[in-house]
Amino acid sequence: MSQRKILIYCDDGSANVDVAEASIKQAINELHLQNDFQIENVTANDIIGNENTLLSTKLFVMPGGRDLPYVEKLNGLGNRRIKHFVNQGGCYLGLCAGAYFASSIIEFEKDTALEVCGARELKFYHGLAKGCVYPGFSYKDNSGARVVPIELHKEVADQVSFNQCSVYYNGGCEFLPLNDDVGEVEILASYSAHDNENSSVNRHAPPIAIIKCKVGSGIAILSGVHPEYSANLLSSDKYDDKILQHLHQCEHNRAVLFRKLLSMLLL
């Protein structure tokens, strides 16, 4: 049987693509799927310039980074091809910026110098992606990064045999419905209601961190956090020692959760 592709977007705006690629490779090895899938990087020009780029693809990964360059490069034909791919049975994994990008509307740091607000074309989640959930984000460095606890919802928790996991966070969103018509959406995880650093937790319901959306015949999983970030893959030159130590302590549950998310998309 020929291999199917996992395509990771690698173009203006994308960040730490090497981390996402290494983490996905590790996870598919642990799922014993390494002979079934080939991981490749893809650019906007690849998608727009060749209508066959997404053929034989199972999963399209939009990594963290910056949403606006995604918009600038992919609006129009690029997004139409990604949307068609998912509607026809493909899968999409949006991580941080990739999750903002796949929601109907985004609000990032509204009423600040960093504000990015507006409608988006993919609309895999028919709602609002709003961030930051935690304060302190900076484009200049990782000073706003942290490891945060998330609560897994029952279906996921039952499958992985734990209900809480701590993962890397830096500027990610929560997911808010704009009305009753959000489509077929399953909440996979929420930001922990017991995290005192999270100013949103005093609301009636904890903010939503990870969702799974039915999109035509396909699936999109959108995550405001980075379950793909393993301490083993992050450079000590770029990341605070306390963050790396915390991630090391949480590595087992993080890896199990990320494998579960990938299995929802690949199997």
Protein backbone atom coordinates (compact mmCIF):
# COMPACT_ATOMS: atom_id res chain seq x y z
CA MET A 1 0.00 0.00 0.00
CA SER A 2 1.40 3.44 -0.93
CA GLN A 3 2.12 5.92 1.83
CA ARG A 4 -0.25 8.80 2.48
CA LYS A 5 1.12 12.22 3.30
CA ILE A 6 1.13 14.37 6.41
CA LEU A 7 1.79 17.91 5.20
CA ILE A 8 3.11 20.55 7.61
CA TYR A 9 2.76 24.17 6.49
CA CYS A 10 6.19 25.81 6.38
CA ASP A 11 6.04 29.37 5.08
CA ASP A 12 5.86 32.97 6.28
CA GLY A 13 4.41 33.06 9.79
CA SER A 14 5.06 29.44 10.72
CA ALA A 15 7.29 28.81 13.74
CA ASN A 16 9.09 25.78 15.15
CA VAL A 17 8.08 23.58 12.23
CA ASP A 18 11.01 21.32 13.08
CA VAL A 19 9.54 20.70 16.54
CA ALA A 20 6.11 19.86 15.11
CA GLU A 21 7.65 17.55 12.51
CA ALA A 22 9.84 15.70 15.04
CA SER A 23 6.95 15.36 17.48
CA ILE A 24 4.59 14.00 14.83
CA LYS A 25 7.26 11.58 13.61
CA GLN A 26 7.79 10.33 17.16
CA ALA A 27 4.05 9.92 17.73
CA ILE A 28 3.38 7.99 14.51
CA ASN A 29 6.31 5.70 15.34
CA GLU A 30 4.76 5.01 18.74
CA LEU A 31 1.42 4.37 17.00
CA HIS A 32 3.25 1.94 14.64
CA LEU A 33 2.13 4.00 11.65
CA GLN A 34 5.58 4.97 10.36
CA ASN A 35 5.19 2.78 7.27
CA ASP A 36 1.80 4.27 6.44
CA PHE A 37 2.59 7.99 6.39
CA GLN A 38 5.24 10.24 4.89
CA ILE A 39 5.79 13.66 6.52
CA GLU A 40 6.56 16.59 4.21
CA ASN A 41 6.71 20.38 4.49
CA VAL A 42 4.54 22.43 2.18
CA THR A 43 4.44 26.11 1.20
CA ALA A 44 1.64 28.39 0.07
CA ASN A 45 3.04 28.28 -3.47
CA ASP A 46 2.89 24.48 -3.40
CA ILE A 47 -0.81 24.62 -2.54
CA ILE A 48 -1.77 27.44 -4.88
CA GLY A 49 0.49 26.50 -7.78
CA ASN A 50 -0.36 22.80 -7.96
CA GLU A 51 -3.89 21.50 -7.58
CA ASN A 52 -2.50 18.01 -6.91
CA THR A 53 -0.45 18.98 -3.83
CA LEU A 54 -3.11 17.76 -1.42
CA LEU A 55 -3.75 14.51 -3.29
CA SER A 56 -2.83 11.41 -1.29
CA THR A 57 -2.74 13.59 1.84
CA LYS A 58 -4.41 12.44 5.05
CA LEU A 59 -3.49 15.29 7.40
CA PHE A 60 -2.68 18.97 6.90
CA VAL A 61 -0.94 20.57 9.88
CA MET A 62 -1.02 24.34 10.40
CA PRO A 63 1.55 25.03 13.14
CA GLY A 64 1.95 27.85 15.60
CA GLY A 65 3.43 31.18 14.66
CA ARG A 66 1.57 34.20 13.30
CA ASP A 67 -1.87 34.14 11.73
CA LEU A 68 -1.65 37.24 9.53
CA PRO A 69 1.05 35.88 7.19
CA TYR A 70 -1.12 32.78 6.76
CA VAL A 71 -3.97 35.06 5.71
CA GLU A 72 -1.76 37.05 3.33
CA LYS A 73 -0.39 33.96 1.58
CA LEU A 74 -3.43 31.65 1.55
CA ASN A 75 -6.56 33.81 1.28
CA GLY A 76 -8.50 32.93 -1.83
CA LEU A 77 -7.39 29.89 -3.81
CA GLY A 78 -5.09 28.47 -1.13
CA ASN A 79 -7.81 28.40 1.49
CA ARG A 80 -10.38 27.09 -0.97
CA ARG A 81 -8.11 24.12 -1.71
CA ILE A 82 -7.48 23.42 1.99
CA LYS A 83 -11.19 23.69 2.72
CA HIS A 84 -12.09 21.38 -0.18
CA PHE A 85 -9.47 18.88 1.00
CA VAL A 86 -11.03 18.68 4.48
CA ASN A 87 -14.62 18.68 3.24
CA GLN A 88 -13.79 15.71 1.02
CA GLY A 89 -12.51 13.64 3.94
CA GLY A 90 -9.12 15.09 4.79
CA CYS A 91 -8.02 16.13 8.27
CA TYR A 92 -6.63 19.39 9.65
CA LEU A 93 -4.62 19.98 12.82
CA GLY A 94 -4.44 23.63 13.85
CA LEU A 95 -1.99 24.46 16.62
CA CYS A 96 -2.16 27.89 18.26
CA ALA A 97 -1.95 30.26 15.24
CA GLY A 98 -3.27 27.41 13.11
CA ALA A 99 -6.31 27.25 15.38
CA TYR A 100 -6.98 30.98 15.20
CA PHE A 101 -6.64 30.75 11.41
CA ALA A 102 -9.26 27.99 11.13
CA SER A 103 -11.97 29.75 13.17
CA SER A 104 -14.65 32.02 11.73
CA ILE A 105 -13.50 35.12 13.63
CA ILE A 106 -10.42 35.86 15.67
CA GLU A 107 -9.75 38.36 18.45
CA PHE A 108 -6.11 38.51 19.47
CA GLU A 109 -5.11 41.00 22.18
CA LYS A 110 -7.99 43.32 21.29
CA ASP A 111 -7.50 46.99 22.21
CA THR A 112 -3.74 46.60 22.58
CA ALA A 113 -0.78 47.37 20.32
CA LEU A 114 -0.72 43.68 19.33
CA GLU A 115 -4.38 43.60 18.23
CA VAL A 116 -5.31 41.28 15.37
CA CYS A 117 -9.05 40.94 14.80
CA GLY A 118 -11.16 39.87 11.87
CA ALA A 119 -12.96 37.19 9.91
CA ARG A 120 -11.14 34.17 8.51
CA GLU A 121 -11.94 32.05 5.45
CA LEU A 122 -11.59 28.41 6.53
CA LYS A 123 -14.27 28.60 9.25
CA PHE A 124 -13.78 25.00 10.41
CA TYR A 125 -14.97 26.26 13.79
CA HIS A 126 -18.07 28.42 13.36
CA GLY A 127 -17.17 30.60 16.31
CA LEU A 128 -14.64 32.96 17.85
CA ALA A 129 -11.01 32.16 18.64
CA LYS A 130 -10.08 34.65 21.35
CA GLY A 131 -6.71 35.22 22.98
CA CYS A 132 -4.56 35.47 24.77
CA VAL A 133 -5.95 33.30 27.55
CA TYR A 134 -2.89 34.06 29.70
CA PRO A 135 -1.14 37.47 29.88
CA GLY A 136 2.38 38.41 28.91
CA PHE A 137 2.65 37.36 25.27
CA SER A 138 5.53 38.89 23.29
CA TYR A 139 6.56 38.47 19.66
CA LYS A 140 10.15 39.36 20.62
CA ASP A 141 10.85 36.37 22.85
CA ASN A 142 9.26 33.54 24.84
CA SER A 143 8.81 35.60 28.02
CA GLY A 144 5.04 35.01 27.98
CA ALA A 145 5.39 31.25 27.54
CA ARG A 146 4.39 28.86 30.32
CA VAL A 147 3.27 25.34 31.04
CA VAL A 148 -0.45 25.25 31.80
CA PRO A 149 -2.83 22.59 33.10
CA ILE A 150 -5.73 21.48 30.93
CA GLU A 151 -8.67 19.31 31.93
CA LEU A 152 -9.54 16.53 29.50
CA HIS A 153 -13.21 15.95 28.82
CA LYS A 154 -14.65 12.57 29.69
CA GLU A 155 -14.40 10.76 26.36
CA VAL A 156 -10.72 11.64 25.96
CA ALA A 157 -9.93 11.12 29.65
CA ASP A 158 -11.47 7.65 29.58
CA GLN A 159 -9.31 6.67 26.61
CA VAL A 160 -6.00 7.95 27.99
CA SER A 161 -6.71 7.04 31.65
CA PHE A 162 -6.01 10.48 33.13
CA ASN A 163 -8.08 13.66 33.29
CA GLN A 164 -5.45 16.40 33.54
CA CYS A 165 -2.35 17.19 31.52
CA SER A 166 0.09 20.11 31.53
CA VAL A 167 1.25 21.44 28.17
CA TYR A 168 3.18 24.32 26.63
CA TYR A 169 1.29 27.57 26.05
CA ASN A 170 2.33 30.83 24.37
CA GLY A 171 -0.36 33.21 23.13
CA GLY A 172 -3.02 30.64 22.32
CA CYS A 173 -6.77 31.05 22.12
CA GLU A 174 -9.95 29.81 23.70
CA PHE A 175 -13.00 28.90 21.61
CA LEU A 176 -16.28 30.77 22.07
CA PRO A 177 -19.56 30.19 20.19
CA LEU A 178 -20.97 33.23 18.44
CA ASN A 179 -24.47 31.73 18.34
CA ASP A 180 -26.17 28.35 18.54
CA ASP A 181 -25.00 27.33 15.06
CA VAL A 182 -21.40 26.26 15.76
CA GLY A 183 -21.71 23.05 13.77
CA GLU A 184 -20.78 19.59 15.01
CA VAL A 185 -18.15 20.37 17.65
CA GLU A 186 -16.77 18.18 20.42
CA ILE A 187 -14.86 19.75 23.31
CA LEU A 188 -11.74 17.69 23.99
CA ALA A 189 -10.10 19.80 26.72
CA SER A 190 -10.52 23.01 28.70
CA TYR A 191 -8.07 25.26 30.47
CA SER A 192 -8.01 24.26 34.13
CA ALA A 193 -10.47 25.99 36.42
CA HIS A 194 -7.95 25.51 39.24
CA ASP A 195 -5.18 27.55 37.63
CA ASN A 196 -4.89 30.82 39.53
CA GLU A 197 -2.81 32.42 36.76
CA ASN A 198 -5.71 32.17 34.34
CA SER A 199 -7.88 35.26 34.66
CA SER A 200 -10.69 33.60 32.69
CA VAL A 201 -11.31 30.78 35.13
CA ASN A 202 -13.70 32.74 37.32
CA ARG A 203 -16.34 32.58 34.60
CA HIS A 204 -19.23 30.15 34.78
CA ALA A 205 -17.41 27.63 32.55
CA PRO A 206 -13.64 27.17 32.07
CA PRO A 207 -12.34 28.40 28.69
CA ILE A 208 -12.14 25.74 25.98
CA ALA A 209 -8.63 24.72 24.93
CA ILE A 210 -8.99 21.94 22.31
CA ILE A 211 -11.93 21.10 20.04
CA LYS A 212 -12.75 18.60 17.30
CA CYS A 213 -14.94 19.86 14.46
CA LYS A 214 -16.76 17.82 11.84
CA VAL A 215 -16.16 19.48 8.48
CA GLY A 216 -18.09 17.82 5.66
CA SER A 217 -16.59 14.33 5.44
CA GLY A 218 -13.42 15.44 7.25
CA ILE A 219 -12.24 16.44 10.72
CA ALA A 220 -10.42 19.46 12.13
CA ILE A 221 -8.81 19.46 15.57
CA LEU A 222 -7.97 22.95 16.80
CA SER A 223 -5.81 23.58 19.86
CA GLY A 224 -4.99 26.80 21.68
CA VAL A 225 -2.16 24.97 23.46
CA HIS A 226 0.87 23.08 22.14
CA PRO A 227 0.49 19.36 22.93
CA GLU A 228 3.21 18.69 20.33
CA TYR A 229 5.90 20.49 22.36
CA SER A 230 8.17 18.01 24.12
CA ALA A 231 10.96 19.30 26.36
CA ASN A 232 13.26 16.89 24.55
CA LEU A 233 12.75 18.86 21.34
CA LEU A 234 13.12 22.41 22.69
CA SER A 235 16.43 24.26 22.82
CA SER A 236 17.66 25.39 26.24
CA ASP A 237 18.97 28.53 24.51
CA LYS A 238 15.45 29.69 23.65
CA TYR A 239 13.34 28.40 26.54
CA ASP A 240 13.41 29.07 30.27
CA ASP A 241 14.86 26.23 32.36
CA LYS A 242 11.78 26.16 34.60
CA ILE A 243 9.54 25.62 31.58
CA LEU A 244 11.74 22.81 30.29
CA GLN A 245 11.87 21.16 33.72
CA HIS A 246 8.08 21.38 34.05
CA LEU A 247 7.60 19.91 30.58
CA HIS A 248 9.98 17.05 31.40
CA GLN A 249 7.85 16.22 34.44
CA CYS A 250 4.69 16.17 32.30
CA GLU A 251 6.20 14.36 29.30
CA HIS A 252 4.42 11.02 29.68
CA ASN A 253 0.89 12.44 29.78
CA ARG A 254 1.69 15.00 27.08
CA ALA A 255 2.96 12.30 24.72
CA VAL A 256 -0.06 10.08 25.38
CA LEU A 257 -2.45 12.97 24.73
CA PHE A 258 -0.72 13.98 21.50
CA ARG A 259 -0.81 10.40 20.24
CA LYS A 260 -4.53 10.28 21.02
CA LEU A 261 -5.17 13.48 19.07
CA LEU A 262 -3.22 12.19 16.08
CA SER A 263 -5.01 8.85 16.20
CA MET A 264 -8.34 10.70 15.95
CA LEU A 265 -7.08 12.23 12.71
CA LEU A 266 -5.12 9.37 11.16
CA LEU A 267 -7.08 6.24 12.09
